[in-house]
Amino acid sequence: MNNTVTRSISHAQFTIEREVPVAPPVAFGAFADPAVKSEWFGGEEGWELGEVSVDFRVGGLEVNEGTFEQKLTSRFVATYTDIIENERIVYTYDMWVNGTHISTSVATWEFEPVAAGTKLTLVEFGAHLDGFDTGAEREEGTRVLVDALAAYLESQA
């Protein structure tokens, strides 16, 4: 049996925008405060939380690991590269599934004040490795997270 992996990289970029009915400091706080982030980041039914740590500062590392239905272990490891309070967050992150490195990405979040609250703009550029992940799959999963963030922020309005 041949267990070799065909090496490849596919690149993808996507943008997700949302308006939420809270001021930029509240939206920004959903990332900056680890207790608040734990309210919306991950944790769907069937999810067992593993290692979690957040060092929200430039150069800081965030780790979020968990197992879904005792089958699939996902590991997110991010390094914050730029943080302007209430305005933007930039980080790079790597994803692993069941111990296999599936991607490296750069993500930017902007928090723009608008009449109704805050316009959130996420732009992500990813390198998806060896066919284990695609840009479309990442965008779909990220939209679920953005929906969870928006629902959390709406509950705070």
N, C-alpha and C. Protein backbone atom coordinates (compact mmCIF):
# COMPACT_ATOMS: atom_id res chain seq x y z
N MET A 1 0.85 -1.19 0.00
CA MET A 1 0.00 0.00 0.00
C MET A 1 0.89 1.24 0.00
N ASN A 2 0.58 2.19 -0.84
CA ASN A 2 1.37 3.41 -0.96
C ASN A 2 0.74 4.49 -0.09
N ASN A 3 1.47 4.95 0.93
CA ASN A 3 0.97 5.98 1.84
C ASN A 3 1.57 7.34 1.57
N THR A 4 2.17 7.53 0.41
CA THR A 4 2.78 8.83 0.12
C THR A 4 1.69 9.85 -0.20
N VAL A 5 2.00 11.09 0.15
CA VAL A 5 1.10 12.21 -0.10
C VAL A 5 1.59 12.94 -1.34
N THR A 6 0.68 13.29 -2.22
CA THR A 6 1.04 14.13 -3.35
C THR A 6 1.11 15.57 -2.84
N ARG A 7 2.28 16.16 -2.92
CA ARG A 7 2.49 17.51 -2.39
C ARG A 7 1.92 18.55 -3.34
N SER A 8 1.20 19.50 -2.75
CA SER A 8 0.61 20.57 -3.55
C SER A 8 0.28 21.74 -2.63
N ILE A 9 0.13 22.89 -3.22
CA ILE A 9 -0.35 24.08 -2.51
C ILE A 9 -1.39 24.75 -3.40
N SER A 10 -2.54 25.02 -2.81
CA SER A 10 -3.52 25.84 -3.51
C SER A 10 -3.71 27.11 -2.68
N HIS A 11 -3.88 28.22 -3.37
CA HIS A 11 -4.03 29.51 -2.69
C HIS A 11 -5.46 30.01 -2.84
N ALA A 12 -5.93 30.67 -1.81
CA ALA A 12 -7.29 31.21 -1.87
C ALA A 12 -7.38 32.46 -1.01
N GLN A 13 -8.23 33.35 -1.43
CA GLN A 13 -8.50 34.57 -0.67
C GLN A 13 -10.00 34.77 -0.62
N PHE A 14 -10.48 35.24 0.53
CA PHE A 14 -11.89 35.59 0.64
C PHE A 14 -12.05 36.76 1.59
N THR A 15 -13.19 37.43 1.46
CA THR A 15 -13.55 38.56 2.30
C THR A 15 -14.96 38.31 2.84
N ILE A 16 -15.12 38.56 4.13
CA ILE A 16 -16.44 38.46 4.77
C ILE A 16 -16.69 39.79 5.49
N GLU A 17 -17.84 40.40 5.23
CA GLU A 17 -18.21 41.65 5.89
C GLU A 17 -19.52 41.46 6.63
N ARG A 18 -19.61 42.09 7.79
CA ARG A 18 -20.84 42.05 8.59
C ARG A 18 -20.97 43.36 9.33
N GLU A 19 -22.20 43.80 9.52
CA GLU A 19 -22.46 44.91 10.42
C GLU A 19 -23.11 44.35 11.67
N VAL A 20 -22.62 44.81 12.82
CA VAL A 20 -23.15 44.35 14.11
C VAL A 20 -23.57 45.58 14.92
N PRO A 21 -24.61 45.43 15.76
CA PRO A 21 -25.18 46.59 16.46
C PRO A 21 -24.48 46.94 17.77
N VAL A 22 -23.16 46.90 17.77
CA VAL A 22 -22.37 47.29 18.94
C VAL A 22 -21.24 48.19 18.47
N ALA A 23 -20.71 49.00 19.38
CA ALA A 23 -19.61 49.90 19.05
C ALA A 23 -18.31 49.11 18.83
N PRO A 24 -17.36 49.68 18.07
CA PRO A 24 -16.09 48.99 17.83
C PRO A 24 -15.39 48.45 19.08
N PRO A 25 -15.37 49.18 20.22
CA PRO A 25 -14.70 48.59 21.40
C PRO A 25 -15.33 47.28 21.87
N VAL A 26 -16.64 47.14 21.72
CA VAL A 26 -17.30 45.90 22.12
C VAL A 26 -16.95 44.78 21.14
N ALA A 27 -16.98 45.08 19.84
CA ALA A 27 -16.62 44.09 18.83
C ALA A 27 -15.16 43.67 18.97
N PHE A 28 -14.28 44.64 19.16
CA PHE A 28 -12.86 44.36 19.35
C PHE A 28 -12.64 43.51 20.60
N GLY A 29 -13.38 43.81 21.66
CA GLY A 29 -13.26 43.06 22.91
C GLY A 29 -13.61 41.60 22.77
N ALA A 30 -14.41 41.24 21.76
CA ALA A 30 -14.75 39.85 21.53
C ALA A 30 -13.53 39.03 21.11
N PHE A 31 -12.47 39.70 20.68
CA PHE A 31 -11.20 39.06 20.36
C PHE A 31 -10.18 39.25 21.49
N ALA A 32 -10.16 40.44 22.06
CA ALA A 32 -9.11 40.81 23.02
C ALA A 32 -9.27 40.14 24.38
N ASP A 33 -10.49 39.84 24.78
CA ASP A 33 -10.75 39.24 26.09
C ASP A 33 -10.96 37.73 25.90
N PRO A 34 -10.02 36.90 26.39
CA PRO A 34 -10.13 35.45 26.19
C PRO A 34 -11.44 34.86 26.72
N ALA A 35 -11.95 35.38 27.82
CA ALA A 35 -13.22 34.86 28.36
C ALA A 35 -14.37 35.14 27.40
N VAL A 36 -14.36 36.32 26.79
CA VAL A 36 -15.41 36.66 25.83
C VAL A 36 -15.24 35.83 24.56
N LYS A 37 -14.00 35.69 24.08
CA LYS A 37 -13.78 34.91 22.86
C LYS A 37 -14.26 33.48 23.02
N SER A 38 -14.10 32.92 24.21
CA SER A 38 -14.54 31.54 24.44
C SER A 38 -16.05 31.39 24.32
N GLU A 39 -16.78 32.51 24.39
CA GLU A 39 -18.24 32.47 24.26
C GLU A 39 -18.70 32.22 22.83
N TRP A 40 -17.87 32.58 21.85
CA TRP A 40 -18.31 32.46 20.46
C TRP A 40 -17.38 31.65 19.56
N PHE A 41 -16.13 31.47 19.94
CA PHE A 41 -15.14 30.81 19.08
C PHE A 41 -15.15 29.31 19.34
N GLY A 42 -15.73 28.54 18.42
CA GLY A 42 -15.79 27.08 18.57
C GLY A 42 -16.87 26.67 19.55
N GLY A 43 -16.85 25.44 19.97
CA GLY A 43 -17.76 24.98 20.99
C GLY A 43 -19.11 24.49 20.51
N GLU A 44 -19.21 24.09 19.26
CA GLU A 44 -20.49 23.56 18.79
C GLU A 44 -20.78 22.21 19.43
N GLU A 45 -22.00 21.75 19.28
CA GLU A 45 -22.38 20.46 19.87
C GLU A 45 -21.49 19.35 19.32
N GLY A 46 -21.05 18.46 20.19
CA GLY A 46 -20.16 17.38 19.79
C GLY A 46 -18.69 17.75 19.87
N TRP A 47 -18.39 18.97 20.31
CA TRP A 47 -17.03 19.50 20.37
C TRP A 47 -16.47 19.34 21.78
N GLU A 48 -15.32 18.71 21.91
CA GLU A 48 -14.63 18.59 23.19
C GLU A 48 -13.38 19.45 23.15
N LEU A 49 -13.36 20.45 24.02
CA LEU A 49 -12.26 21.41 24.05
C LEU A 49 -10.98 20.75 24.54
N GLY A 50 -9.88 21.06 23.87
CA GLY A 50 -8.56 20.59 24.28
C GLY A 50 -7.75 21.77 24.77
N GLU A 51 -6.53 21.90 24.28
CA GLU A 51 -5.64 22.99 24.69
C GLU A 51 -6.17 24.33 24.18
N VAL A 52 -6.24 25.30 25.09
CA VAL A 52 -6.63 26.66 24.72
C VAL A 52 -5.73 27.63 25.49
N SER A 53 -5.11 28.56 24.78
CA SER A 53 -4.36 29.63 25.43
C SER A 53 -4.39 30.84 24.51
N VAL A 54 -4.45 32.02 25.12
CA VAL A 54 -4.51 33.26 24.35
C VAL A 54 -3.55 34.27 24.96
N ASP A 55 -2.64 34.77 24.14
CA ASP A 55 -1.74 35.86 24.52
C ASP A 55 -1.96 36.97 23.50
N PHE A 56 -2.99 37.79 23.76
CA PHE A 56 -3.44 38.78 22.79
C PHE A 56 -2.58 40.03 22.88
N ARG A 57 -1.47 40.01 22.14
CA ARG A 57 -0.55 41.13 22.01
C ARG A 57 0.27 40.87 20.77
N VAL A 58 0.88 41.91 20.22
CA VAL A 58 1.74 41.72 19.05
C VAL A 58 2.86 40.76 19.45
N GLY A 59 3.02 39.71 18.67
CA GLY A 59 3.98 38.65 18.97
C GLY A 59 3.40 37.54 19.82
N GLY A 60 2.20 37.74 20.34
CA GLY A 60 1.55 36.74 21.19
C GLY A 60 1.01 35.58 20.39
N LEU A 61 0.86 34.46 21.07
CA LEU A 61 0.42 33.21 20.46
C LEU A 61 -0.94 32.81 21.00
N GLU A 62 -1.80 32.33 20.11
CA GLU A 62 -3.09 31.77 20.51
C GLU A 62 -3.15 30.33 20.02
N VAL A 63 -3.59 29.44 20.89
CA VAL A 63 -3.79 28.03 20.54
C VAL A 63 -5.23 27.68 20.88
N ASN A 64 -5.90 27.02 19.95
CA ASN A 64 -7.26 26.54 20.20
C ASN A 64 -7.37 25.17 19.56
N GLU A 65 -7.49 24.16 20.42
CA GLU A 65 -7.56 22.78 19.94
C GLU A 65 -8.81 22.11 20.49
N GLY A 66 -9.39 21.26 19.70
CA GLY A 66 -10.54 20.51 20.16
C GLY A 66 -10.79 19.32 19.26
N THR A 67 -11.63 18.43 19.76
CA THR A 67 -11.97 17.21 19.03
C THR A 67 -13.47 17.18 18.80
N PHE A 68 -13.86 16.91 17.56
CA PHE A 68 -15.27 16.84 17.21
C PHE A 68 -15.70 15.38 17.16
N GLU A 69 -16.71 15.07 17.95
CA GLU A 69 -17.30 13.73 18.02
C GLU A 69 -16.25 12.63 18.17
N GLN A 70 -15.21 12.91 18.92
CA GLN A 70 -14.14 11.96 19.24
C GLN A 70 -13.45 11.39 18.00
N LYS A 71 -13.52 12.13 16.87
CA LYS A 71 -12.96 11.63 15.63
C LYS A 71 -11.95 12.58 15.00
N LEU A 72 -12.27 13.85 14.99
CA LEU A 72 -11.47 14.82 14.25
C LEU A 72 -10.91 15.85 15.21
N THR A 73 -9.59 15.90 15.34
CA THR A 73 -8.95 16.89 16.21
C THR A 73 -8.42 18.02 15.35
N SER A 74 -8.89 19.22 15.66
CA SER A 74 -8.50 20.43 14.94
C SER A 74 -7.62 21.27 15.86
N ARG A 75 -6.53 21.80 15.32
CA ARG A 75 -5.62 22.64 16.10
C ARG A 75 -5.35 23.92 15.32
N PHE A 76 -5.67 25.05 15.95
CA PHE A 76 -5.48 26.40 15.40
C PHE A 76 -4.37 27.04 16.23
N VAL A 77 -3.31 27.51 15.56
CA VAL A 77 -2.20 28.19 16.25
C VAL A 77 -1.94 29.49 15.51
N ALA A 78 -2.17 30.62 16.20
CA ALA A 78 -2.04 31.94 15.58
C ALA A 78 -0.97 32.76 16.27
N THR A 79 -0.33 33.62 15.50
CA THR A 79 0.60 34.61 16.02
C THR A 79 0.09 35.98 15.61
N TYR A 80 -0.13 36.85 16.59
CA TYR A 80 -0.61 38.21 16.31
C TYR A 80 0.56 39.06 15.82
N THR A 81 0.39 39.68 14.66
CA THR A 81 1.47 40.48 14.07
C THR A 81 1.20 41.98 14.11
N ASP A 82 -0.08 42.37 14.28
CA ASP A 82 -0.41 43.79 14.36
C ASP A 82 -1.75 43.91 15.08
N ILE A 83 -1.79 44.79 16.07
CA ILE A 83 -3.05 45.05 16.79
C ILE A 83 -3.14 46.56 17.02
N ILE A 84 -4.19 47.16 16.51
CA ILE A 84 -4.50 48.56 16.78
C ILE A 84 -5.86 48.53 17.49
N GLU A 85 -5.86 48.86 18.77
CA GLU A 85 -7.06 48.72 19.59
C GLU A 85 -8.28 49.37 18.93
N ASN A 86 -9.35 48.58 18.86
CA ASN A 86 -10.65 48.99 18.32
C ASN A 86 -10.64 49.28 16.82
N GLU A 87 -9.51 49.02 16.14
CA GLU A 87 -9.43 49.31 14.70
C GLU A 87 -9.10 48.09 13.85
N ARG A 88 -8.04 47.33 14.25
CA ARG A 88 -7.66 46.19 13.41
C ARG A 88 -6.87 45.16 14.20
N ILE A 89 -6.92 43.94 13.66
CA ILE A 89 -6.13 42.82 14.17
C ILE A 89 -5.59 42.09 12.95
N VAL A 90 -4.29 41.77 12.97
CA VAL A 90 -3.67 40.99 11.91
C VAL A 90 -2.95 39.82 12.57
N TYR A 91 -3.16 38.63 12.02
CA TYR A 91 -2.47 37.45 12.55
C TYR A 91 -2.22 36.45 11.44
N THR A 92 -1.22 35.63 11.66
CA THR A 92 -0.98 34.47 10.82
C THR A 92 -1.44 33.26 11.61
N TYR A 93 -1.89 32.24 10.93
CA TYR A 93 -2.26 31.03 11.67
C TYR A 93 -2.06 29.78 10.83
N ASP A 94 -1.81 28.71 11.57
CA ASP A 94 -1.66 27.38 10.98
C ASP A 94 -2.79 26.51 11.50
N MET A 95 -3.25 25.60 10.65
CA MET A 95 -4.28 24.64 11.03
C MET A 95 -3.75 23.22 10.84
N TRP A 96 -4.07 22.39 11.82
CA TRP A 96 -3.77 20.96 11.74
C TRP A 96 -5.07 20.20 11.96
N VAL A 97 -5.23 19.08 11.29
CA VAL A 97 -6.34 18.17 11.54
C VAL A 97 -5.74 16.79 11.76
N ASN A 98 -6.06 16.23 12.92
CA ASN A 98 -5.53 14.91 13.30
C ASN A 98 -4.01 14.84 13.11
N GLY A 99 -3.33 15.93 13.48
CA GLY A 99 -1.87 15.97 13.44
C GLY A 99 -1.26 16.30 12.09
N THR A 100 -2.07 16.50 11.05
CA THR A 100 -1.57 16.84 9.72
C THR A 100 -1.72 18.33 9.49
N HIS A 101 -0.62 18.99 9.11
CA HIS A 101 -0.63 20.42 8.82
C HIS A 101 -1.38 20.62 7.51
N ILE A 102 -2.52 21.34 7.56
CA ILE A 102 -3.34 21.48 6.36
C ILE A 102 -3.29 22.86 5.73
N SER A 103 -2.85 23.89 6.50
CA SER A 103 -2.82 25.22 5.90
C SER A 103 -2.06 26.22 6.76
N THR A 104 -1.66 27.30 6.08
CA THR A 104 -1.12 28.49 6.72
C THR A 104 -1.84 29.68 6.10
N SER A 105 -2.28 30.61 6.96
CA SER A 105 -3.08 31.73 6.48
C SER A 105 -2.66 33.04 7.13
N VAL A 106 -3.00 34.14 6.46
CA VAL A 106 -2.90 35.48 7.02
C VAL A 106 -4.33 36.01 7.07
N ALA A 107 -4.72 36.53 8.24
CA ALA A 107 -6.07 37.07 8.40
C ALA A 107 -5.99 38.49 8.93
N THR A 108 -6.86 39.36 8.40
CA THR A 108 -6.96 40.73 8.90
C THR A 108 -8.41 41.00 9.25
N TRP A 109 -8.61 41.63 10.39
CA TRP A 109 -9.93 42.08 10.82
C TRP A 109 -9.89 43.59 10.95
N GLU A 110 -10.91 44.26 10.39
CA GLU A 110 -11.05 45.70 10.56
C GLU A 110 -12.38 45.97 11.26
N PHE A 111 -12.37 46.96 12.14
CA PHE A 111 -13.54 47.34 12.93
C PHE A 111 -13.84 48.81 12.61
N GLU A 112 -14.83 49.03 11.76
CA GLU A 112 -15.14 50.38 11.29
C GLU A 112 -16.44 50.86 11.93
N PRO A 113 -16.41 52.04 12.58
CA PRO A 113 -17.66 52.56 13.15
C PRO A 113 -18.63 52.94 12.03
N VAL A 114 -19.88 52.52 12.17
CA VAL A 114 -20.94 52.90 11.24
C VAL A 114 -22.15 53.30 12.09
N ALA A 115 -23.14 53.92 11.46
CA ALA A 115 -24.30 54.42 12.20
C ALA A 115 -24.97 53.33 13.05
N ALA A 116 -25.02 52.11 12.52
CA ALA A 116 -25.70 51.01 13.22
C ALA A 116 -24.81 50.30 14.24
N GLY A 117 -23.53 50.65 14.31
CA GLY A 117 -22.61 49.98 15.25
C GLY A 117 -21.23 49.85 14.66
N THR A 118 -20.90 48.64 14.19
CA THR A 118 -19.56 48.36 13.65
C THR A 118 -19.67 47.53 12.39
N LYS A 119 -18.90 47.91 11.38
CA LYS A 119 -18.74 47.07 10.21
C LYS A 119 -17.48 46.26 10.42
N LEU A 120 -17.63 44.94 10.43
CA LEU A 120 -16.49 44.01 10.54
C LEU A 120 -16.10 43.58 9.14
N THR A 121 -14.80 43.66 8.85
CA THR A 121 -14.31 43.17 7.57
C THR A 121 -13.16 42.22 7.84
N LEU A 122 -13.34 40.97 7.43
CA LEU A 122 -12.30 39.95 7.53
C LEU A 122 -11.80 39.66 6.12
N VAL A 123 -10.50 39.75 5.92
CA VAL A 123 -9.88 39.33 4.67
C VAL A 123 -8.87 38.26 5.04
N GLU A 124 -8.94 37.14 4.34
CA GLU A 124 -8.03 36.03 4.63
C GLU A 124 -7.40 35.52 3.34
N PHE A 125 -6.11 35.26 3.43
CA PHE A 125 -5.37 34.66 2.33
C PHE A 125 -4.73 33.39 2.85
N GLY A 126 -4.99 32.26 2.20
CA GLY A 126 -4.48 31.00 2.70
C GLY A 126 -3.70 30.20 1.69
N ALA A 127 -2.76 29.43 2.22
CA ALA A 127 -2.04 28.42 1.46
C ALA A 127 -2.52 27.07 1.98
N HIS A 128 -3.25 26.35 1.16
CA HIS A 128 -3.89 25.09 1.55
C HIS A 128 -3.04 23.94 1.02
N LEU A 129 -2.64 23.06 1.91
CA LEU A 129 -1.57 22.12 1.63
C LEU A 129 -2.03 20.71 1.30
N ASP A 130 -1.47 20.17 0.25
CA ASP A 130 -1.52 18.75 -0.09
C ASP A 130 -2.92 18.17 -0.24
N GLY A 131 -3.90 19.03 -0.56
CA GLY A 131 -5.25 18.56 -0.80
C GLY A 131 -6.05 18.24 0.44
N PHE A 132 -5.49 18.54 1.63
CA PHE A 132 -6.21 18.26 2.88
C PHE A 132 -7.26 19.32 3.20
N ASP A 133 -7.21 20.45 2.51
CA ASP A 133 -8.10 21.57 2.78
C ASP A 133 -8.21 22.37 1.50
N THR A 134 -9.30 23.11 1.35
CA THR A 134 -9.44 24.00 0.19
C THR A 134 -9.88 25.37 0.68
N GLY A 135 -9.70 26.35 -0.17
CA GLY A 135 -10.15 27.70 0.17
C GLY A 135 -11.65 27.74 0.39
N ALA A 136 -12.42 27.01 -0.42
CA ALA A 136 -13.87 27.01 -0.26
C ALA A 136 -14.27 26.41 1.09
N GLU A 137 -13.60 25.33 1.49
CA GLU A 137 -13.90 24.73 2.80
C GLU A 137 -13.55 25.68 3.94
N ARG A 138 -12.41 26.35 3.82
CA ARG A 138 -12.01 27.29 4.86
C ARG A 138 -12.98 28.46 4.95
N GLU A 139 -13.38 28.98 3.79
CA GLU A 139 -14.34 30.09 3.81
C GLU A 139 -15.65 29.65 4.47
N GLU A 140 -16.13 28.47 4.14
CA GLU A 140 -17.37 27.97 4.73
C GLU A 140 -17.24 27.87 6.26
N GLY A 141 -16.15 27.29 6.74
CA GLY A 141 -15.93 27.17 8.18
C GLY A 141 -15.78 28.52 8.85
N THR A 142 -15.12 29.45 8.18
CA THR A 142 -14.93 30.79 8.74
C THR A 142 -16.25 31.53 8.79
N ARG A 143 -17.10 31.35 7.81
CA ARG A 143 -18.43 31.98 7.85
C ARG A 143 -19.23 31.51 9.06
N VAL A 144 -19.08 30.24 9.43
CA VAL A 144 -19.75 29.72 10.62
C VAL A 144 -19.25 30.47 11.86
N LEU A 145 -17.92 30.68 11.93
CA LEU A 145 -17.36 31.43 13.06
C LEU A 145 -17.83 32.88 13.07
N VAL A 146 -17.86 33.51 11.91
CA VAL A 146 -18.32 34.90 11.84
C VAL A 146 -19.80 34.99 12.23
N ASP A 147 -20.59 34.01 11.83
CA ASP A 147 -21.99 33.98 12.25
C ASP A 147 -22.10 33.87 13.77
N ALA A 148 -21.26 33.03 14.36
CA ALA A 148 -21.26 32.88 15.82
C ALA A 148 -20.84 34.18 16.50
N LEU A 149 -19.83 34.85 15.95
CA LEU A 149 -19.40 36.14 16.50
C LEU A 149 -20.52 37.16 16.39
N ALA A 150 -21.16 37.25 15.22
CA ALA A 150 -22.24 38.22 15.03
C ALA A 150 -23.40 37.94 15.98
N ALA A 151 -23.76 36.68 16.16
CA ALA A 151 -24.84 36.33 17.08
C ALA A 151 -24.48 36.72 18.51
N TYR A 152 -23.23 36.46 18.90
CA TYR A 152 -22.79 36.85 20.24
C TYR A 152 -22.89 38.37 20.42
N LEU A 153 -22.36 39.12 19.43
CA LEU A 153 -22.37 40.58 19.54
C LEU A 153 -23.79 41.14 19.53
N GLU A 154 -24.67 40.54 18.73
CA GLU A 154 -26.07 40.98 18.72
C GLU A 154 -26.71 40.76 20.08
N SER A 155 -26.32 39.69 20.78
CA SER A 155 -26.87 39.43 22.12
C SER A 155 -26.37 40.43 23.15
N GLN A 156 -25.31 41.17 22.81
CA GLN A 156 -24.73 42.16 23.72
C GLN A 156 -25.31 43.56 23.50
N ALA A 157 -26.08 43.72 22.40
CA ALA A 157 -26.62 45.04 22.04
C ALA A 157 -27.74 45.46 22.97
